[in-house]
Amino acid sequence: MPGEVRSVASVGREWLILTTNQIIRVDKQTRRARTVTPFDGAAIPHGIAVTGSGIFVVTDDGRVLCFGK
């Protein structure tokens, strides 16, 4: 897994794993990565929030990145 793990969130049937510069969606049953979403910057520890409309990541330079609607 590239990058350092910064946070893990349980969302329905998936784990969201936030690493330094990507979000990995892992199926809880198969334990396989479903998607990998890279982003520019470096996430802070515990810098993930999940809502009904998106995934938000806070970077070490103070930006808030939104993935979703």
N, C-alpha and C. Protein backbone atom coordinates (compact mmCIF):
# COMPACT_ATOMS: atom_id res chain seq x y z
N MET A 1 0.86 -1.18 0.00
CA MET A 1 0.00 0.00 0.00
C MET A 1 0.90 1.23 0.00
N PRO A 2 0.87 2.02 -1.06
CA PRO A 2 1.72 3.22 -1.12
C PRO A 2 1.31 4.25 -0.07
N GLY A 3 2.28 4.90 0.50
CA GLY A 3 2.01 5.94 1.49
C GLY A 3 1.73 5.38 2.86
N GLU A 4 1.74 6.25 3.81
CA GLU A 4 1.49 5.90 5.21
C GLU A 4 -0.01 5.97 5.48
N VAL A 5 -0.56 4.98 6.19
CA VAL A 5 -1.98 5.00 6.53
C VAL A 5 -2.23 6.13 7.52
N ARG A 6 -3.18 7.01 7.20
CA ARG A 6 -3.50 8.16 8.05
C ARG A 6 -4.80 7.97 8.82
N SER A 7 -5.74 7.19 8.24
CA SER A 7 -7.02 6.99 8.91
C SER A 7 -7.77 5.86 8.22
N VAL A 8 -8.72 5.24 8.96
CA VAL A 8 -9.58 4.20 8.40
C VAL A 8 -11.00 4.49 8.85
N ALA A 9 -11.95 4.40 7.91
CA ALA A 9 -13.35 4.63 8.24
C ALA A 9 -14.18 3.44 7.74
N SER A 10 -15.14 3.04 8.53
CA SER A 10 -16.05 1.96 8.16
C SER A 10 -17.33 2.59 7.61
N VAL A 11 -17.65 2.25 6.35
CA VAL A 11 -18.83 2.82 5.71
C VAL A 11 -19.59 1.70 5.02
N GLY A 12 -20.70 1.27 5.61
CA GLY A 12 -21.50 0.20 5.02
C GLY A 12 -20.68 -1.06 4.84
N ARG A 13 -20.58 -1.51 3.59
CA ARG A 13 -19.85 -2.75 3.28
C ARG A 13 -18.41 -2.50 2.87
N GLU A 14 -17.92 -1.30 3.13
CA GLU A 14 -16.56 -0.94 2.73
C GLU A 14 -15.76 -0.36 3.88
N TRP A 15 -14.45 -0.49 3.76
CA TRP A 15 -13.50 0.26 4.57
C TRP A 15 -12.95 1.35 3.67
N LEU A 16 -12.83 2.57 4.16
CA LEU A 16 -12.14 3.64 3.46
C LEU A 16 -10.81 3.81 4.16
N ILE A 17 -9.75 3.60 3.42
CA ILE A 17 -8.41 3.73 3.98
C ILE A 17 -7.77 4.98 3.39
N LEU A 18 -7.44 5.92 4.25
CA LEU A 18 -6.79 7.15 3.82
C LEU A 18 -5.29 6.99 4.04
N THR A 19 -4.54 7.07 2.95
CA THR A 19 -3.08 7.05 3.06
C THR A 19 -2.59 8.46 2.82
N THR A 20 -1.30 8.63 2.76
CA THR A 20 -0.72 9.96 2.58
C THR A 20 -1.34 10.70 1.41
N ASN A 21 -1.53 10.00 0.28
CA ASN A 21 -2.01 10.71 -0.92
C ASN A 21 -3.02 9.93 -1.74
N GLN A 22 -3.80 9.06 -1.09
CA GLN A 22 -4.87 8.38 -1.82
C GLN A 22 -5.92 7.83 -0.87
N ILE A 23 -7.11 7.58 -1.43
CA ILE A 23 -8.20 6.93 -0.71
C ILE A 23 -8.40 5.57 -1.35
N ILE A 24 -8.41 4.53 -0.53
CA ILE A 24 -8.60 3.17 -1.03
C ILE A 24 -9.90 2.64 -0.44
N ARG A 25 -10.81 2.20 -1.33
CA ARG A 25 -12.08 1.61 -0.89
C ARG A 25 -11.91 0.10 -0.93
N VAL A 26 -12.09 -0.54 0.22
CA VAL A 26 -11.87 -1.98 0.35
C VAL A 26 -13.18 -2.67 0.73
N ASP A 27 -13.55 -3.70 -0.02
CA ASP A 27 -14.73 -4.49 0.28
C ASP A 27 -14.47 -5.29 1.55
N LYS A 28 -15.36 -5.17 2.54
CA LYS A 28 -15.16 -5.85 3.82
C LYS A 28 -15.21 -7.37 3.67
N GLN A 29 -16.06 -7.87 2.78
CA GLN A 29 -16.22 -9.31 2.65
C GLN A 29 -15.06 -9.95 1.89
N THR A 30 -14.68 -9.37 0.75
CA THR A 30 -13.63 -9.97 -0.07
C THR A 30 -12.23 -9.49 0.32
N ARG A 31 -12.19 -8.36 1.04
CA ARG A 31 -10.93 -7.73 1.45
C ARG A 31 -10.08 -7.29 0.26
N ARG A 32 -10.72 -7.01 -0.83
CA ARG A 32 -10.03 -6.53 -2.04
C ARG A 32 -10.33 -5.05 -2.26
N ALA A 33 -9.34 -4.35 -2.80
CA ALA A 33 -9.54 -2.94 -3.12
C ALA A 33 -10.54 -2.81 -4.26
N ARG A 34 -11.53 -1.97 -4.08
CA ARG A 34 -12.53 -1.73 -5.13
C ARG A 34 -12.09 -0.58 -6.01
N THR A 35 -11.62 0.49 -5.37
CA THR A 35 -11.10 1.65 -6.12
C THR A 35 -9.95 2.27 -5.35
N VAL A 36 -9.09 2.93 -6.09
CA VAL A 36 -8.01 3.72 -5.51
C VAL A 36 -8.10 5.10 -6.13
N THR A 37 -8.23 6.12 -5.30
CA THR A 37 -8.36 7.50 -5.77
C THR A 37 -7.18 8.31 -5.27
N PRO A 38 -6.23 8.62 -6.16
CA PRO A 38 -5.09 9.45 -5.75
C PRO A 38 -5.49 10.92 -5.69
N PHE A 39 -4.75 11.70 -4.91
CA PHE A 39 -4.98 13.15 -4.87
C PHE A 39 -3.65 13.86 -4.62
N ASP A 40 -3.62 15.13 -4.98
CA ASP A 40 -2.42 15.95 -4.78
C ASP A 40 -2.37 16.42 -3.34
N GLY A 41 -1.21 16.39 -2.76
CA GLY A 41 -1.03 16.84 -1.39
C GLY A 41 -0.84 15.66 -0.46
N ALA A 42 -0.75 15.96 0.81
CA ALA A 42 -0.56 14.93 1.84
C ALA A 42 -1.64 15.08 2.90
N ALA A 43 -2.38 14.02 3.14
CA ALA A 43 -3.45 14.04 4.13
C ALA A 43 -2.86 14.11 5.54
N ILE A 44 -3.58 14.81 6.42
CA ILE A 44 -3.17 14.84 7.83
C ILE A 44 -3.70 13.58 8.52
N PRO A 45 -3.12 13.17 9.65
CA PRO A 45 -3.66 12.04 10.40
C PRO A 45 -5.11 12.30 10.80
N HIS A 46 -5.96 11.33 10.63
CA HIS A 46 -7.39 11.41 10.95
C HIS A 46 -8.09 12.49 10.14
N GLY A 47 -7.56 12.79 8.96
CA GLY A 47 -8.09 13.88 8.14
C GLY A 47 -9.14 13.45 7.14
N ILE A 48 -10.06 12.58 7.54
CA ILE A 48 -11.12 12.14 6.64
C ILE A 48 -12.47 12.30 7.33
N ALA A 49 -13.46 12.72 6.56
CA ALA A 49 -14.84 12.80 7.03
C ALA A 49 -15.73 12.26 5.93
N VAL A 50 -16.73 11.48 6.30
CA VAL A 50 -17.62 10.85 5.33
C VAL A 50 -19.04 11.31 5.62
N THR A 51 -19.72 11.79 4.57
CA THR A 51 -21.12 12.19 4.69
C THR A 51 -21.92 11.44 3.64
N GLY A 52 -23.21 11.67 3.61
CA GLY A 52 -24.06 11.04 2.61
C GLY A 52 -23.75 11.48 1.19
N SER A 53 -23.11 12.62 1.05
CA SER A 53 -22.86 13.14 -0.29
C SER A 53 -21.39 13.15 -0.70
N GLY A 54 -20.48 12.75 0.18
CA GLY A 54 -19.09 12.77 -0.24
C GLY A 54 -18.11 12.37 0.84
N ILE A 55 -16.86 12.32 0.40
CA ILE A 55 -15.73 12.05 1.28
C ILE A 55 -14.87 13.30 1.28
N PHE A 56 -14.50 13.77 2.45
CA PHE A 56 -13.71 14.98 2.58
C PHE A 56 -12.36 14.63 3.21
N VAL A 57 -11.30 15.18 2.63
CA VAL A 57 -9.95 14.94 3.11
C VAL A 57 -9.29 16.28 3.40
N VAL A 58 -8.63 16.39 4.55
CA VAL A 58 -7.89 17.60 4.91
C VAL A 58 -6.41 17.33 4.67
N THR A 59 -5.75 18.25 3.96
CA THR A 59 -4.33 18.09 3.64
C THR A 59 -3.47 18.92 4.59
N ASP A 60 -2.18 18.61 4.60
CA ASP A 60 -1.28 19.29 5.53
C ASP A 60 -1.06 20.76 5.20
N ASP A 61 -1.50 21.20 4.01
CA ASP A 61 -1.39 22.63 3.68
C ASP A 61 -2.71 23.37 3.90
N GLY A 62 -3.68 22.70 4.58
CA GLY A 62 -4.92 23.36 4.98
C GLY A 62 -6.07 23.25 3.99
N ARG A 63 -5.88 22.57 2.88
CA ARG A 63 -6.97 22.42 1.91
C ARG A 63 -7.94 21.33 2.36
N VAL A 64 -9.20 21.47 1.96
CA VAL A 64 -10.21 20.44 2.16
C VAL A 64 -10.62 19.95 0.78
N LEU A 65 -10.34 18.67 0.51
CA LEU A 65 -10.67 18.09 -0.79
C LEU A 65 -11.98 17.34 -0.68
N CYS A 66 -12.87 17.47 -1.67
CA CYS A 66 -14.16 16.81 -1.67
C CYS A 66 -14.20 15.78 -2.81
N PHE A 67 -14.58 14.58 -2.46
CA PHE A 67 -14.77 13.52 -3.44
C PHE A 67 -16.21 13.07 -3.34
N GLY A 68 -17.01 13.37 -4.35
CA GLY A 68 -18.43 13.03 -4.33
C GLY A 68 -19.24 14.09 -5.01
N LYS A 69 -20.48 14.21 -4.59
CA LYS A 69 -21.43 15.15 -5.22
C LYS A 69 -21.11 16.58 -4.83
